[in-house]
Amino acid sequence: MDCSWMERRFERLRPSDYDGKSPVDYYYNCIAWAMGRKDSRWWPATIGGYRWPKKLPREKPGEETLPNFIRAFKRLGYKVISQKDYSLERGFEKVAIYVKGNQNPTHAARQLLPSGIWTSKIGNEEDIEHVSPGVLEGMEYGTVAVVMKRPV
């Protein structure tokens, strides 16, 4: 799969850092994928076409908040860890939430077990596996604001 366009979009990404793993699929997004789902697009937007956990706030586009995303992942059993630790921890699965600007979430990645490699759904494009959440940091997604983990 030719994913070279990603190296132009993500300035820190190198060919040896990732591998394309799926065809383009518009039905789910990065948040759904980080939650381990492919059933629909997950985002707290007030516009149609997105799902979000019940009893969590819906937000205006551009005003999505990191605490709301953290609460969504907490409902799945994740807890915030104090450091940005991307290493594989036996018995735990991790997610990384990216933010830009005023701490507005932009993306989430999930660590695969048992390999410890990370996976992301790139917008409406394909899923990739990448060596670390850090290779996607930059102008497109911003930086990793929080890493969360849950027991498996």
Protein backbone atom coordinates (compact mmCIF):
# COMPACT_ATOMS: atom_id res chain seq x y z
CA MET A 1 0.00 0.00 0.00
CA ASP A 2 1.49 3.34 -1.01
CA CYS A 3 1.25 5.69 1.96
CA SER A 4 4.03 8.11 0.96
CA TRP A 5 1.58 11.03 1.12
CA MET A 6 1.66 10.56 4.90
CA GLU A 7 5.33 11.47 5.03
CA ARG A 8 4.45 14.82 3.49
CA ARG A 9 1.51 15.33 5.89
CA PHE A 10 3.38 14.29 9.07
CA GLU A 11 6.79 15.95 9.19
CA ARG A 12 8.28 13.55 11.77
CA LEU A 13 7.10 10.38 10.05
CA ARG A 14 9.72 8.33 8.15
CA PRO A 15 9.12 5.26 5.93
CA SER A 16 10.66 2.97 8.55
CA ASP A 17 8.28 4.34 11.25
CA TYR A 18 4.98 2.99 9.91
CA ASP A 19 3.14 0.53 7.72
CA GLY A 20 -0.27 0.92 6.06
CA LYS A 21 -2.67 -1.77 7.24
CA SER A 22 -6.08 -1.15 5.70
CA PRO A 23 -7.81 0.40 2.71
CA VAL A 24 -9.52 3.79 2.97
CA ASP A 25 -12.68 3.51 5.06
CA TYR A 26 -14.97 6.48 5.75
CA TYR A 27 -17.23 4.61 8.15
CA TYR A 28 -15.10 5.00 11.28
CA ASN A 29 -12.55 7.52 12.55
CA CYS A 30 -9.47 7.64 14.78
CA ILE A 31 -11.41 7.88 18.04
CA ALA A 32 -13.54 4.84 17.21
CA TRP A 33 -10.39 2.96 16.16
CA ALA A 34 -8.57 3.92 19.39
CA MET A 35 -11.64 2.64 21.27
CA GLY A 36 -11.29 -0.65 19.39
CA ARG A 37 -14.40 -0.04 17.26
CA LYS A 38 -15.19 0.16 13.56
CA ASP A 39 -18.96 0.56 13.86
CA SER A 40 -19.24 4.33 13.38
CA ARG A 41 -17.50 7.67 13.75
CA TRP A 42 -16.96 8.76 17.40
CA TRP A 43 -16.60 12.46 18.21
CA PRO A 44 -18.48 14.79 20.57
CA ALA A 45 -19.54 17.12 17.74
CA THR A 46 -22.99 18.62 17.69
CA ILE A 47 -23.17 18.03 13.93
CA GLY A 48 -24.78 14.81 12.73
CA GLY A 49 -23.14 11.55 11.84
CA TYR A 50 -21.12 11.07 15.03
CA ARG A 51 -21.65 8.97 18.14
CA TRP A 52 -20.53 9.85 21.64
CA PRO A 53 -21.09 8.11 24.97
CA LYS A 54 -24.41 8.92 26.58
CA LYS A 55 -24.33 11.49 29.39
CA LEU A 56 -21.11 13.07 28.11
CA PRO A 57 -21.37 16.57 26.65
CA ARG A 58 -21.78 17.18 22.96
CA GLU A 59 -19.60 20.10 21.89
CA LYS A 60 -19.52 22.64 19.11
CA PRO A 61 -16.97 21.89 16.37
CA GLY A 62 -13.67 23.50 17.33
CA GLU A 63 -14.60 23.56 21.02
CA GLU A 64 -14.03 19.89 21.82
CA THR A 65 -12.30 19.48 25.18
CA LEU A 66 -9.60 17.15 26.43
CA PRO A 67 -11.48 16.44 29.71
CA ASN A 68 -14.47 15.21 27.68
CA PHE A 69 -12.26 12.82 25.68
CA ILE A 70 -10.61 11.61 28.89
CA ARG A 71 -14.05 10.91 30.38
CA ALA A 72 -15.02 8.93 27.26
CA PHE A 73 -11.95 6.70 27.54
CA LYS A 74 -12.43 6.35 31.32
CA ARG A 75 -15.80 4.78 30.57
CA LEU A 76 -13.86 2.07 28.74
CA GLY A 77 -11.71 1.40 31.80
CA TYR A 78 -8.72 3.62 30.95
CA LYS A 79 -6.94 5.74 33.56
CA VAL A 80 -4.62 8.67 32.96
CA ILE A 81 -0.98 7.90 33.66
CA SER A 82 1.32 10.59 34.99
CA GLN A 83 3.97 10.41 32.27
CA LYS A 84 3.88 10.07 28.50
CA ASP A 85 5.04 6.47 28.67
CA TYR A 86 4.71 4.80 25.27
CA SER A 87 6.41 1.57 26.35
CA LEU A 88 4.70 -1.78 26.41
CA GLU A 89 3.53 -2.71 29.91
CA ARG A 90 2.59 -6.31 30.42
CA GLY A 91 -1.11 -6.62 31.25
CA PHE A 92 -2.06 -3.11 30.01
CA GLU A 93 -3.36 -1.51 26.82
CA LYS A 94 -2.61 2.18 26.21
CA VAL A 95 -4.09 5.05 24.22
CA ALA A 96 -2.58 8.45 23.44
CA ILE A 97 -4.75 11.55 22.91
CA TYR A 98 -3.34 14.37 20.77
CA VAL A 99 -4.25 18.05 21.08
CA LYS A 100 -3.63 21.29 19.22
CA GLY A 101 -4.18 24.96 19.94
CA ASN A 102 -6.21 25.46 23.10
CA GLN A 103 -5.89 21.80 24.08
CA ASN A 104 -8.52 20.75 21.53
CA PRO A 105 -8.28 17.01 20.79
CA THR A 106 -7.35 16.11 17.23
CA HIS A 107 -6.48 12.40 17.22
CA ALA A 108 -6.05 9.25 19.29
CA ALA A 109 -3.79 6.23 18.83
CA ARG A 110 -3.91 2.80 20.50
CA GLN A 111 -1.13 0.43 21.44
CA LEU A 112 -1.44 -3.08 20.04
CA LEU A 113 -0.83 -6.12 22.16
CA PRO A 114 1.31 -8.12 22.46
CA SER A 115 3.67 -6.30 20.03
CA GLY A 116 3.63 -2.84 21.65
CA ILE A 117 3.38 -1.19 18.21
CA TRP A 118 0.86 1.66 17.93
CA THR A 119 -2.08 1.93 15.53
CA SER A 120 -3.96 4.95 14.16
CA LYS A 121 -6.78 5.65 11.75
CA ILE A 122 -5.56 8.60 9.70
CA GLY A 123 -8.61 10.81 9.15
CA ASN A 124 -10.86 9.24 6.52
CA GLU A 125 -7.88 7.35 5.15
CA GLU A 126 -6.34 4.04 6.14
CA ASP A 127 -5.21 2.54 9.41
CA ILE A 128 -1.49 2.44 10.01
CA GLU A 129 0.80 0.82 12.52
CA HIS A 130 3.56 3.10 13.81
CA VAL A 131 6.50 2.79 16.16
CA SER A 132 5.42 5.49 18.61
CA PRO A 133 2.76 8.17 19.10
CA GLY A 134 5.57 10.72 18.73
CA VAL A 135 5.99 10.10 14.98
CA LEU A 136 2.56 11.67 14.34
CA GLU A 137 3.22 14.80 16.40
CA GLY A 138 3.51 18.05 14.47
CA MET A 139 1.41 20.52 12.51
CA GLU A 140 -1.35 18.04 11.61
CA TYR A 141 -2.28 16.55 15.01
CA GLY A 142 -0.30 18.67 17.48
CA THR A 143 1.21 16.82 20.43
CA VAL A 144 0.28 13.96 22.71
CA ALA A 145 -1.38 15.54 25.73
CA VAL A 146 -2.20 12.43 27.70
CA VAL A 147 -1.52 8.72 27.73
CA MET A 148 -4.06 6.42 29.36
CA LYS A 149 -3.97 2.72 30.15
CA ARG A 150 -6.31 -0.07 31.18
CA PRO A 151 -5.77 -3.63 32.31
CA VAL A 152 -6.40 -6.36 29.76
